[in-house]
All heavy atoms as atom14 arrays in JSON, in Angstrom:
{
  "sequence": "VRKISVNLVRRVIYNVNGATKTTLVNLDSFENTEISKDDEIYCEGKLS",
  "atom14_mask": [
    [1, 1, 1, 1, 1, 1, 1, 0, 0, 0, 0, 0, 0, 0],
    [1, 1, 1, 1, 1, 1, 1, 1, 1, 1, 1, 0, 0, 0],
    [1, 1, 1, 1, 1, 1, 1, 1, 1, 0, 0, 0, 0, 0],
    [1, 1, 1, 1, 1, 1, 1, 1, 0, 0, 0, 0, 0, 0],
    [1, 1, 1, 1, 1, 1, 0, 0, 0, 0, 0, 0, 0, 0],
    [1, 1, 1, 1, 1, 1, 1, 0, 0, 0, 0, 0, 0, 0],
    [1, 1, 1, 1, 1, 1, 1, 1, 0, 0, 0, 0, 0, 0],
    [1, 1, 1, 1, 1, 1, 1, 1, 0, 0, 0, 0, 0, 0],
    [1, 1, 1, 1, 1, 1, 1, 0, 0, 0, 0, 0, 0, 0],
    [1, 1, 1, 1, 1, 1, 1, 1, 1, 1, 1, 0, 0, 0],
    [1, 1, 1, 1, 1, 1, 1, 1, 1, 1, 1, 0, 0, 0],
    [1, 1, 1, 1, 1, 1, 1, 0, 0, 0, 0, 0, 0, 0],
    [1, 1, 1, 1, 1, 1, 1, 1, 0, 0, 0, 0, 0, 0],
    [1, 1, 1, 1, 1, 1, 1, 1, 1, 1, 1, 1, 0, 0],
    [1, 1, 1, 1, 1, 1, 1, 1, 0, 0, 0, 0, 0, 0],
    [1, 1, 1, 1, 1, 1, 1, 0, 0, 0, 0, 0, 0, 0],
    [1, 1, 1, 1, 1, 1, 1, 1, 0, 0, 0, 0, 0, 0],
    [1, 1, 1, 1, 0, 0, 0, 0, 0, 0, 0, 0, 0, 0],
    [1, 1, 1, 1, 1, 0, 0, 0, 0, 0, 0, 0, 0, 0],
    [1, 1, 1, 1, 1, 1, 1, 0, 0, 0, 0, 0, 0, 0],
    [1, 1, 1, 1, 1, 1, 1, 1, 1, 0, 0, 0, 0, 0],
    [1, 1, 1, 1, 1, 1, 1, 0, 0, 0, 0, 0, 0, 0],
    [1, 1, 1, 1, 1, 1, 1, 0, 0, 0, 0, 0, 0, 0],
    [1, 1, 1, 1, 1, 1, 1, 1, 0, 0, 0, 0, 0, 0],
    [1, 1, 1, 1, 1, 1, 1, 0, 0, 0, 0, 0, 0, 0],
    [1, 1, 1, 1, 1, 1, 1, 1, 0, 0, 0, 0, 0, 0],
    [1, 1, 1, 1, 1, 1, 1, 1, 0, 0, 0, 0, 0, 0],
    [1, 1, 1, 1, 1, 1, 1, 1, 0, 0, 0, 0, 0, 0],
    [1, 1, 1, 1, 1, 1, 0, 0, 0, 0, 0, 0, 0, 0],
    [1, 1, 1, 1, 1, 1, 1, 1, 1, 1, 1, 0, 0, 0],
    [1, 1, 1, 1, 1, 1, 1, 1, 1, 0, 0, 0, 0, 0],
    [1, 1, 1, 1, 1, 1, 1, 1, 0, 0, 0, 0, 0, 0],
    [1, 1, 1, 1, 1, 1, 1, 0, 0, 0, 0, 0, 0, 0],
    [1, 1, 1, 1, 1, 1, 1, 1, 1, 0, 0, 0, 0, 0],
    [1, 1, 1, 1, 1, 1, 1, 1, 0, 0, 0, 0, 0, 0],
    [1, 1, 1, 1, 1, 1, 0, 0, 0, 0, 0, 0, 0, 0],
    [1, 1, 1, 1, 1, 1, 1, 1, 1, 0, 0, 0, 0, 0],
    [1, 1, 1, 1, 1, 1, 1, 1, 0, 0, 0, 0, 0, 0],
    [1, 1, 1, 1, 1, 1, 1, 1, 0, 0, 0, 0, 0, 0],
    [1, 1, 1, 1, 1, 1, 1, 1, 1, 0, 0, 0, 0, 0],
    [1, 1, 1, 1, 1, 1, 1, 1, 0, 0, 0, 0, 0, 0],
    [1, 1, 1, 1, 1, 1, 1, 1, 1, 1, 1, 1, 0, 0],
    [1, 1, 1, 1, 1, 1, 0, 0, 0, 0, 0, 0, 0, 0],
    [1, 1, 1, 1, 1, 1, 1, 1, 1, 0, 0, 0, 0, 0],
    [1, 1, 1, 1, 0, 0, 0, 0, 0, 0, 0, 0, 0, 0],
    [1, 1, 1, 1, 1, 1, 1, 1, 1, 0, 0, 0, 0, 0],
    [1, 1, 1, 1, 1, 1, 1, 1, 0, 0, 0, 0, 0, 0],
    [1, 1, 1, 1, 1, 1, 0, 0, 0, 0, 0, 0, 0, 0]
  ],
  "atom14_positions": [
    [[71.31, 108.32, 111.7], [72.33, 108.03, 110.65], [71.72, 108.42, 109.29], [70.71, 107.8, 108.85], [72.71, 106.55, 110.67], [73.68, 106.23, 109.53], [73.3, 106.18, 112.03], [0.0, 0.0, 0.0], [0.0, 0.0, 0.0], [0.0, 0.0, 0.0], [0.0, 0.0, 0.0], [0.0, 0.0, 0.0], [0.0, 0.0, 0.0], [0.0, 0.0, 0.0]],
    [[72.32, 109.39, 108.69], [71.71, 109.92, 107.46], [72.22, 109.25, 106.18], [71.46, 109.09, 105.21], [72.01, 111.44, 107.32], [71.31, 112.26, 108.41], [71.68, 113.71, 108.25], [70.97, 114.45, 109.28], [69.98, 115.32, 109.08], [69.56, 115.52, 107.85], [69.44, 115.99, 110.09], [0.0, 0.0, 0.0], [0.0, 0.0, 0.0], [0.0, 0.0, 0.0]],
    [[73.47, 108.8, 106.18], [74.06, 108.28, 104.91], [75.18, 107.33, 105.19], [76.01, 107.59, 106.06], [74.51, 109.46, 104.04], [75.04, 109.11, 102.66], [75.43, 110.36, 101.9], [75.99, 110.05, 100.56], [76.4, 111.28, 99.81], [0.0, 0.0, 0.0], [0.0, 0.0, 0.0], [0.0, 0.0, 0.0], [0.0, 0.0, 0.0], [0.0, 0.0, 0.0]],
    [[75.25, 106.27, 104.41], [76.35, 105.33, 104.44], [76.94, 105.24, 103.03], [76.17, 105.03, 102.05], [75.88, 103.93, 104.88], [75.4, 103.95, 106.35], [77.06, 102.9, 104.71], [74.79, 102.64, 106.79], [0.0, 0.0, 0.0], [0.0, 0.0, 0.0], [0.0, 0.0, 0.0], [0.0, 0.0, 0.0], [0.0, 0.0, 0.0], [0.0, 0.0, 0.0]],
    [[78.24, 105.46, 102.92], [78.94, 105.38, 101.65], [80.1, 104.41, 101.72], [80.86, 104.42, 102.69], [79.45, 106.77, 101.21], [78.44, 107.74, 101.13], [0.0, 0.0, 0.0], [0.0, 0.0, 0.0], [0.0, 0.0, 0.0], [0.0, 0.0, 0.0], [0.0, 0.0, 0.0], [0.0, 0.0, 0.0], [0.0, 0.0, 0.0], [0.0, 0.0, 0.0]],
    [[80.25, 103.57, 100.69], [81.34, 102.6, 100.63], [81.94, 102.67, 99.23], [81.22, 102.65, 98.24], [80.89, 101.13, 100.98], [82.11, 100.21, 101.0], [80.16, 101.12, 102.27], [0.0, 0.0, 0.0], [0.0, 0.0, 0.0], [0.0, 0.0, 0.0], [0.0, 0.0, 0.0], [0.0, 0.0, 0.0], [0.0, 0.0, 0.0], [0.0, 0.0, 0.0]],
    [[83.27, 102.73, 99.16], [83.94, 102.83, 97.83], [85.13, 101.89, 97.75], [85.82, 101.63, 98.71], [84.49, 104.28, 97.67], [83.37, 105.31, 97.62], [82.62, 105.38, 96.67], [83.29, 106.1, 98.67], [0.0, 0.0, 0.0], [0.0, 0.0, 0.0], [0.0, 0.0, 0.0], [0.0, 0.0, 0.0], [0.0, 0.0, 0.0], [0.0, 0.0, 0.0]],
    [[85.29, 101.34, 96.55], [86.51, 100.55, 96.21], [87.43, 101.54, 95.5], [87.1, 102.05, 94.42], [86.16, 99.38, 95.31], [87.34, 98.6, 94.72], [88.24, 98.02, 95.82], [86.84, 97.5, 93.78], [0.0, 0.0, 0.0], [0.0, 0.0, 0.0], [0.0, 0.0, 0.0], [0.0, 0.0, 0.0], [0.0, 0.0, 0.0], [0.0, 0.0, 0.0]],
    [[88.62, 101.75, 96.07], [89.55, 102.78, 95.58], [90.88, 102.15, 95.25], [91.39, 101.3, 96.03], [89.72, 103.88, 96.64], [90.75, 104.91, 96.2], [88.38, 104.59, 96.91], [0.0, 0.0, 0.0], [0.0, 0.0, 0.0], [0.0, 0.0, 0.0], [0.0, 0.0, 0.0], [0.0, 0.0, 0.0], [0.0, 0.0, 0.0], [0.0, 0.0, 0.0]],
    [[91.47, 102.57, 94.15], [92.83, 102.18, 93.81], [93.76, 103.38, 94.05], [93.54, 104.43, 93.51], [92.96, 101.73, 92.37], [94.4, 101.34, 91.97], [94.5, 100.75, 90.59], [94.19, 101.72, 89.56], [93.3, 101.53, 88.57], [92.65, 100.41, 88.51], [93.09, 102.45, 87.66], [0.0, 0.0, 0.0], [0.0, 0.0, 0.0], [0.0, 0.0, 0.0]],
    [[94.78, 103.14, 94.89], [95.76, 104.19, 95.15], [97.06, 103.78, 94.58], [97.62, 102.66, 94.86], [95.9, 104.42, 96.66], [96.99, 105.42, 97.05], [97.22, 105.44, 98.56], [96.04, 105.96, 99.21], [95.82, 105.84, 100.54], [96.7, 105.19, 101.26], [94.71, 106.35, 101.07], [0.0, 0.0, 0.0], [0.0, 0.0, 0.0], [0.0, 0.0, 0.0]],
    [[97.66, 104.63, 93.68], [98.95, 104.36, 93.09], [99.95, 105.36, 93.59], [99.69, 106.57, 93.59], [98.82, 104.44, 91.52], [100.21, 104.24, 90.88], [97.82, 103.43, 91.02], [0.0, 0.0, 0.0], [0.0, 0.0, 0.0], [0.0, 0.0, 0.0], [0.0, 0.0, 0.0], [0.0, 0.0, 0.0], [0.0, 0.0, 0.0], [0.0, 0.0, 0.0]],
    [[101.09, 104.87, 94.05], [102.13, 105.74, 94.61], [103.38, 105.63, 93.82], [103.9, 104.49, 93.57], [102.41, 105.31, 96.08], [101.14, 105.39, 96.93], [103.48, 106.23, 96.73], [101.29, 104.86, 98.35], [0.0, 0.0, 0.0], [0.0, 0.0, 0.0], [0.0, 0.0, 0.0], [0.0, 0.0, 0.0], [0.0, 0.0, 0.0], [0.0, 0.0, 0.0]],
    [[103.89, 106.76, 93.34], [105.16, 106.81, 92.63], [106.23, 107.43, 93.6], [105.98, 108.49, 94.17], [105.03, 107.71, 91.41], [103.85, 107.35, 90.48], [102.58, 107.89, 90.72], [104.01, 106.48, 89.43], [101.52, 107.58, 89.94], [102.95, 106.15, 88.63], [101.68, 106.72, 88.86], [100.63, 106.36, 88.06], [0.0, 0.0, 0.0], [0.0, 0.0, 0.0]],
    [[107.32, 106.75, 93.73], [108.28, 107.11, 94.79], [109.67, 107.26, 94.16], [110.25, 106.3, 93.65], [108.29, 106.06, 95.87], [109.12, 106.42, 97.1], [110.05, 107.26, 96.97], [108.87, 105.83, 98.2], [0.0, 0.0, 0.0], [0.0, 0.0, 0.0], [0.0, 0.0, 0.0], [0.0, 0.0, 0.0], [0.0, 0.0, 0.0], [0.0, 0.0, 0.0]],
    [[110.24, 108.44, 94.31], [111.64, 108.67, 93.91], [112.42, 109.15, 95.12], [112.36, 110.3, 95.5], [111.75, 109.73, 92.76], [113.2, 110.03, 92.43], [110.95, 109.3, 91.57], [0.0, 0.0, 0.0], [0.0, 0.0, 0.0], [0.0, 0.0, 0.0], [0.0, 0.0, 0.0], [0.0, 0.0, 0.0], [0.0, 0.0, 0.0], [0.0, 0.0, 0.0]],
    [[113.07, 108.18, 95.76], [113.9, 108.45, 96.92], [113.19, 109.27, 97.99], [113.7, 110.23, 98.58], [115.16, 109.23, 96.48], [115.96, 108.47, 95.5], [116.1, 107.23, 95.56], [116.57, 109.13, 94.51], [0.0, 0.0, 0.0], [0.0, 0.0, 0.0], [0.0, 0.0, 0.0], [0.0, 0.0, 0.0], [0.0, 0.0, 0.0], [0.0, 0.0, 0.0]],
    [[111.94, 108.89, 98.26], [111.19, 109.57, 99.3], [110.22, 110.63, 98.83], [109.23, 110.96, 99.5], [0.0, 0.0, 0.0], [0.0, 0.0, 0.0], [0.0, 0.0, 0.0], [0.0, 0.0, 0.0], [0.0, 0.0, 0.0], [0.0, 0.0, 0.0], [0.0, 0.0, 0.0], [0.0, 0.0, 0.0], [0.0, 0.0, 0.0], [0.0, 0.0, 0.0]],
    [[110.48, 111.18, 97.67], [109.55, 112.16, 97.07], [108.46, 111.38, 96.32], [108.8, 110.48, 95.52], [110.26, 113.08, 96.1], [0.0, 0.0, 0.0], [0.0, 0.0, 0.0], [0.0, 0.0, 0.0], [0.0, 0.0, 0.0], [0.0, 0.0, 0.0], [0.0, 0.0, 0.0], [0.0, 0.0, 0.0], [0.0, 0.0, 0.0], [0.0, 0.0, 0.0]],
    [[107.19, 111.65, 96.62], [106.11, 110.8, 96.1], [105.03, 111.64, 95.41], [104.85, 112.8, 95.69], [105.45, 110.01, 97.23], [104.86, 110.91, 98.18], [106.47, 109.12, 97.93], [0.0, 0.0, 0.0], [0.0, 0.0, 0.0], [0.0, 0.0, 0.0], [0.0, 0.0, 0.0], [0.0, 0.0, 0.0], [0.0, 0.0, 0.0], [0.0, 0.0, 0.0]],
    [[104.37, 110.97, 94.49], [103.14, 111.42, 93.9], [102.12, 110.29, 94.02], [102.46, 109.13, 93.89], [103.32, 111.75, 92.39], [104.15, 113.04, 92.14], [103.34, 114.29, 92.51], [104.12, 115.53, 92.13], [103.31, 116.76, 92.41], [0.0, 0.0, 0.0], [0.0, 0.0, 0.0], [0.0, 0.0, 0.0], [0.0, 0.0, 0.0], [0.0, 0.0, 0.0]],
    [[100.86, 110.67, 94.29], [99.82, 109.68, 94.5], [98.6, 109.98, 93.65], [98.2, 111.17, 93.52], [99.38, 109.67, 95.97], [100.55, 109.37, 96.8], [98.35, 108.6, 96.22], [0.0, 0.0, 0.0], [0.0, 0.0, 0.0], [0.0, 0.0, 0.0], [0.0, 0.0, 0.0], [0.0, 0.0, 0.0], [0.0, 0.0, 0.0], [0.0, 0.0, 0.0]],
    [[98.01, 108.97, 93.04], [96.79, 109.11, 92.32], [95.75, 108.17, 92.92], [96.03, 107.09, 93.42], [96.95, 108.79, 90.83], [97.4, 107.41, 90.69], [97.97, 109.7, 90.19], [0.0, 0.0, 0.0], [0.0, 0.0, 0.0], [0.0, 0.0, 0.0], [0.0, 0.0, 0.0], [0.0, 0.0, 0.0], [0.0, 0.0, 0.0], [0.0, 0.0, 0.0]],
    [[94.49, 108.63, 92.93], [93.37, 107.86, 93.45], [92.34, 107.67, 92.36], [91.97, 108.62, 91.65], [92.73, 108.53, 94.66], [93.56, 108.71, 95.9], [92.87, 109.53, 96.95], [93.95, 107.32, 96.51], [0.0, 0.0, 0.0], [0.0, 0.0, 0.0], [0.0, 0.0, 0.0], [0.0, 0.0, 0.0], [0.0, 0.0, 0.0], [0.0, 0.0, 0.0]],
    [[91.84, 106.44, 92.23], [90.79, 106.14, 91.22], [89.68, 105.36, 91.96], [89.95, 104.37, 92.6], [91.31, 105.33, 90.07], [90.21, 104.97, 89.1], [92.41, 106.09, 89.31], [0.0, 0.0, 0.0], [0.0, 0.0, 0.0], [0.0, 0.0, 0.0], [0.0, 0.0, 0.0], [0.0, 0.0, 0.0], [0.0, 0.0, 0.0], [0.0, 0.0, 0.0]],
    [[88.46, 105.87, 91.84], [87.31, 105.18, 92.41], [86.81, 104.1, 91.43], [86.37, 104.42, 90.33], [86.23, 106.15, 92.74], [85.09, 105.54, 93.54], [85.35, 104.81, 94.48], [83.84, 105.86, 93.19], [0.0, 0.0, 0.0], [0.0, 0.0, 0.0], [0.0, 0.0, 0.0], [0.0, 0.0, 0.0], [0.0, 0.0, 0.0], [0.0, 0.0, 0.0]],
    [[86.88, 102.82, 91.82], [86.52, 101.73, 90.92], [85.06, 101.35, 91.04], [84.43, 100.9, 90.04], [87.43, 100.52, 91.22], [88.93, 100.74, 91.1], [89.67, 99.48, 91.51], [89.27, 101.21, 89.68], [0.0, 0.0, 0.0], [0.0, 0.0, 0.0], [0.0, 0.0, 0.0], [0.0, 0.0, 0.0], [0.0, 0.0, 0.0], [0.0, 0.0, 0.0]],
    [[84.44, 101.49, 92.19], [83.02, 101.2, 92.37], [82.52, 101.83, 93.67], [83.35, 102.07, 94.6], [82.75, 99.73, 92.38], [81.3, 99.37, 92.13], [80.61, 100.26, 91.57], [80.9, 98.23, 92.47], [0.0, 0.0, 0.0], [0.0, 0.0, 0.0], [0.0, 0.0, 0.0], [0.0, 0.0, 0.0], [0.0, 0.0, 0.0], [0.0, 0.0, 0.0]],
    [[81.21, 102.08, 93.73], [80.66, 102.79, 94.88], [79.33, 102.17, 95.31], [78.61, 101.53, 94.52], [80.38, 104.28, 94.56], [81.61, 104.93, 94.22], [0.0, 0.0, 0.0], [0.0, 0.0, 0.0], [0.0, 0.0, 0.0], [0.0, 0.0, 0.0], [0.0, 0.0, 0.0], [0.0, 0.0, 0.0], [0.0, 0.0, 0.0], [0.0, 0.0, 0.0]],
    [[79.04, 102.33, 96.59], [77.78, 101.92, 97.17], [77.28, 103.05, 98.07], [78.09, 103.65, 98.79], [77.95, 100.62, 98.0], [76.74, 100.23, 98.81], [75.79, 99.36, 98.28], [76.55, 100.73, 100.1], [74.68, 99.03, 99.05], [75.46, 100.37, 100.86], [74.51, 99.53, 100.34], [0.0, 0.0, 0.0], [0.0, 0.0, 0.0], [0.0, 0.0, 0.0]],
    [[75.97, 103.27, 98.04], [75.43, 104.37, 98.9], [74.03, 103.99, 99.39], [73.24, 103.39, 98.69], [75.33, 105.64, 98.08], [74.95, 106.89, 98.9], [75.02, 108.14, 98.05], [76.13, 108.58, 97.72], [73.93, 108.68, 97.74], [0.0, 0.0, 0.0], [0.0, 0.0, 0.0], [0.0, 0.0, 0.0], [0.0, 0.0, 0.0], [0.0, 0.0, 0.0]],
    [[73.76, 104.31, 100.65], [72.48, 104.05, 101.27], [72.06, 105.26, 102.11], [72.78, 105.69, 102.99], [72.57, 102.81, 102.15], [71.21, 102.41, 102.72], [70.18, 102.98, 102.38], [71.21, 101.39, 103.59], [0.0, 0.0, 0.0], [0.0, 0.0, 0.0], [0.0, 0.0, 0.0], [0.0, 0.0, 0.0], [0.0, 0.0, 0.0], [0.0, 0.0, 0.0]],
    [[70.88, 105.82, 101.77], [70.38, 106.95, 102.51], [69.08, 106.62, 103.22], [68.55, 107.45, 103.96], [70.14, 108.16, 101.55], [69.3, 107.72, 100.51], [71.46, 108.66, 101.01], [0.0, 0.0, 0.0], [0.0, 0.0, 0.0], [0.0, 0.0, 0.0], [0.0, 0.0, 0.0], [0.0, 0.0, 0.0], [0.0, 0.0, 0.0], [0.0, 0.0, 0.0]],
    [[68.53, 105.46, 102.96], [67.29, 105.03, 103.61], [67.62, 104.15, 104.82], [67.62, 102.93, 104.76], [66.4, 104.29, 102.61], [65.98, 105.14, 101.42], [65.14, 104.37, 100.44], [64.88, 103.19, 100.7], [64.78, 104.97, 99.41], [0.0, 0.0, 0.0], [0.0, 0.0, 0.0], [0.0, 0.0, 0.0], [0.0, 0.0, 0.0], [0.0, 0.0, 0.0]],
    [[67.88, 104.81, 105.93], [68.37, 104.13, 107.12], [67.41, 104.36, 108.28], [67.11, 105.53, 108.65], [69.79, 104.63, 107.51], [70.72, 104.47, 106.31], [70.34, 103.86, 108.7], [72.02, 105.26, 106.43], [0.0, 0.0, 0.0], [0.0, 0.0, 0.0], [0.0, 0.0, 0.0], [0.0, 0.0, 0.0], [0.0, 0.0, 0.0], [0.0, 0.0, 0.0]],
    [[66.88, 103.31, 108.83], [65.92, 103.44, 109.91], [66.65, 103.75, 111.19], [67.84, 103.37, 111.4], [65.15, 102.11, 110.09], [66.0, 101.03, 110.34], [0.0, 0.0, 0.0], [0.0, 0.0, 0.0], [0.0, 0.0, 0.0], [0.0, 0.0, 0.0], [0.0, 0.0, 0.0], [0.0, 0.0, 0.0], [0.0, 0.0, 0.0], [0.0, 0.0, 0.0]],
    [[65.98, 104.44, 112.11], [66.58, 104.82, 113.38], [66.46, 103.66, 114.33], [65.37, 103.14, 114.62], [65.84, 106.03, 113.95], [66.53, 106.66, 115.14], [65.83, 107.97, 115.51], [66.54, 108.6, 116.71], [65.89, 109.89, 117.1], [0.0, 0.0, 0.0], [0.0, 0.0, 0.0], [0.0, 0.0, 0.0], [0.0, 0.0, 0.0], [0.0, 0.0, 0.0]],
    [[67.61, 103.2, 114.86], [67.64, 102.01, 115.72], [68.9, 102.04, 116.55], [69.85, 102.78, 116.23], [67.55, 100.75, 114.88], [66.99, 99.58, 115.66], [67.06, 99.59, 116.9], [66.56, 98.58, 114.99], [0.0, 0.0, 0.0], [0.0, 0.0, 0.0], [0.0, 0.0, 0.0], [0.0, 0.0, 0.0], [0.0, 0.0, 0.0], [0.0, 0.0, 0.0]],
    [[68.98, 101.16, 117.53], [70.21, 101.1, 118.34], [71.25, 100.18, 117.69], [72.41, 100.23, 118.06], [69.9, 100.64, 119.76], [69.28, 99.21, 119.79], [68.78, 98.79, 118.71], [69.33, 98.56, 120.83], [0.0, 0.0, 0.0], [0.0, 0.0, 0.0], [0.0, 0.0, 0.0], [0.0, 0.0, 0.0], [0.0, 0.0, 0.0], [0.0, 0.0, 0.0]],
    [[70.8, 99.36, 116.77], [71.77, 98.55, 115.96], [71.31, 98.61, 114.51], [70.15, 98.27, 114.2], [71.81, 97.13, 116.51], [72.46, 96.97, 117.84], [72.63, 95.48, 118.25], [72.38, 94.61, 117.39], [73.06, 95.25, 119.39], [0.0, 0.0, 0.0], [0.0, 0.0, 0.0], [0.0, 0.0, 0.0], [0.0, 0.0, 0.0], [0.0, 0.0, 0.0]],
    [[72.24, 98.95, 113.63], [71.92, 99.1, 112.22], [72.88, 98.2, 111.45], [74.12, 98.23, 111.65], [72.09, 100.53, 111.77], [71.14, 101.45, 112.59], [71.82, 100.7, 110.29], [71.41, 102.91, 112.36], [0.0, 0.0, 0.0], [0.0, 0.0, 0.0], [0.0, 0.0, 0.0], [0.0, 0.0, 0.0], [0.0, 0.0, 0.0], [0.0, 0.0, 0.0]],
    [[72.34, 97.42, 110.53], [73.16, 96.54, 109.7], [72.93, 96.9, 108.22], [71.8, 96.96, 107.77], [72.8, 95.05, 109.92], [73.15, 94.58, 111.31], [72.2, 94.57, 112.34], [74.42, 94.08, 111.62], [72.49, 94.15, 113.62], [74.73, 93.65, 112.89], [73.77, 93.72, 113.88], [74.1, 93.26, 115.17], [0.0, 0.0, 0.0], [0.0, 0.0, 0.0]],
    [[74.02, 97.12, 107.57], [73.99, 97.45, 106.17], [74.82, 96.46, 105.36], [76.03, 96.38, 105.55], [74.5, 98.91, 105.96], [74.55, 99.39, 104.23], [0.0, 0.0, 0.0], [0.0, 0.0, 0.0], [0.0, 0.0, 0.0], [0.0, 0.0, 0.0], [0.0, 0.0, 0.0], [0.0, 0.0, 0.0], [0.0, 0.0, 0.0], [0.0, 0.0, 0.0]],
    [[74.18, 95.68, 104.54], [74.86, 94.72, 103.67], [74.86, 95.21, 102.21], [73.85, 95.76, 101.75], [74.2, 93.36, 103.76], [74.27, 92.72, 105.1], [73.72, 91.3, 105.15], [73.53, 90.75, 104.0], [73.47, 90.73, 106.2], [0.0, 0.0, 0.0], [0.0, 0.0, 0.0], [0.0, 0.0, 0.0], [0.0, 0.0, 0.0], [0.0, 0.0, 0.0]],
    [[75.95, 95.0, 101.54], [76.05, 95.43, 100.17], [77.21, 94.73, 99.47], [77.9, 93.88, 100.06], [0.0, 0.0, 0.0], [0.0, 0.0, 0.0], [0.0, 0.0, 0.0], [0.0, 0.0, 0.0], [0.0, 0.0, 0.0], [0.0, 0.0, 0.0], [0.0, 0.0, 0.0], [0.0, 0.0, 0.0], [0.0, 0.0, 0.0], [0.0, 0.0, 0.0]],
    [[77.44, 95.1, 98.24], [78.58, 94.52, 97.52], [79.09, 95.54, 96.52], [78.36, 96.41, 95.98], [78.19, 93.24, 96.79], [77.17, 93.36, 95.65], [76.9, 92.01, 95.03], [75.9, 92.24, 93.86], [75.64, 90.91, 93.23], [0.0, 0.0, 0.0], [0.0, 0.0, 0.0], [0.0, 0.0, 0.0], [0.0, 0.0, 0.0], [0.0, 0.0, 0.0]],
    [[80.38, 95.41, 96.23], [81.03, 96.18, 95.2], [81.53, 95.26, 94.1], [81.76, 94.08, 94.39], [82.23, 96.98, 95.8], [81.9, 97.96, 96.89], [83.18, 98.44, 97.58], [81.13, 99.17, 96.37], [0.0, 0.0, 0.0], [0.0, 0.0, 0.0], [0.0, 0.0, 0.0], [0.0, 0.0, 0.0], [0.0, 0.0, 0.0], [0.0, 0.0, 0.0]],
    [[81.69, 95.75, 92.92], [82.13, 94.96, 91.78], [83.55, 95.38, 91.4], [83.85, 96.55, 91.18], [81.19, 95.1, 90.57], [79.88, 94.63, 90.9], [0.0, 0.0, 0.0], [0.0, 0.0, 0.0], [0.0, 0.0, 0.0], [0.0, 0.0, 0.0], [0.0, 0.0, 0.0], [0.0, 0.0, 0.0], [0.0, 0.0, 0.0], [0.0, 0.0, 0.0]]
  ]
}
């Protein structure tokens, strides 16, 4: 396992009778690349 990424994302959808536009904004991120090789891996973290 090379990398773990976690993101808090806001998705806004504008809808006019089925026609839509969508915007995405990343509010916070977490990343871990130092992962030991094992049969069970636990990654704890937090987003703000």
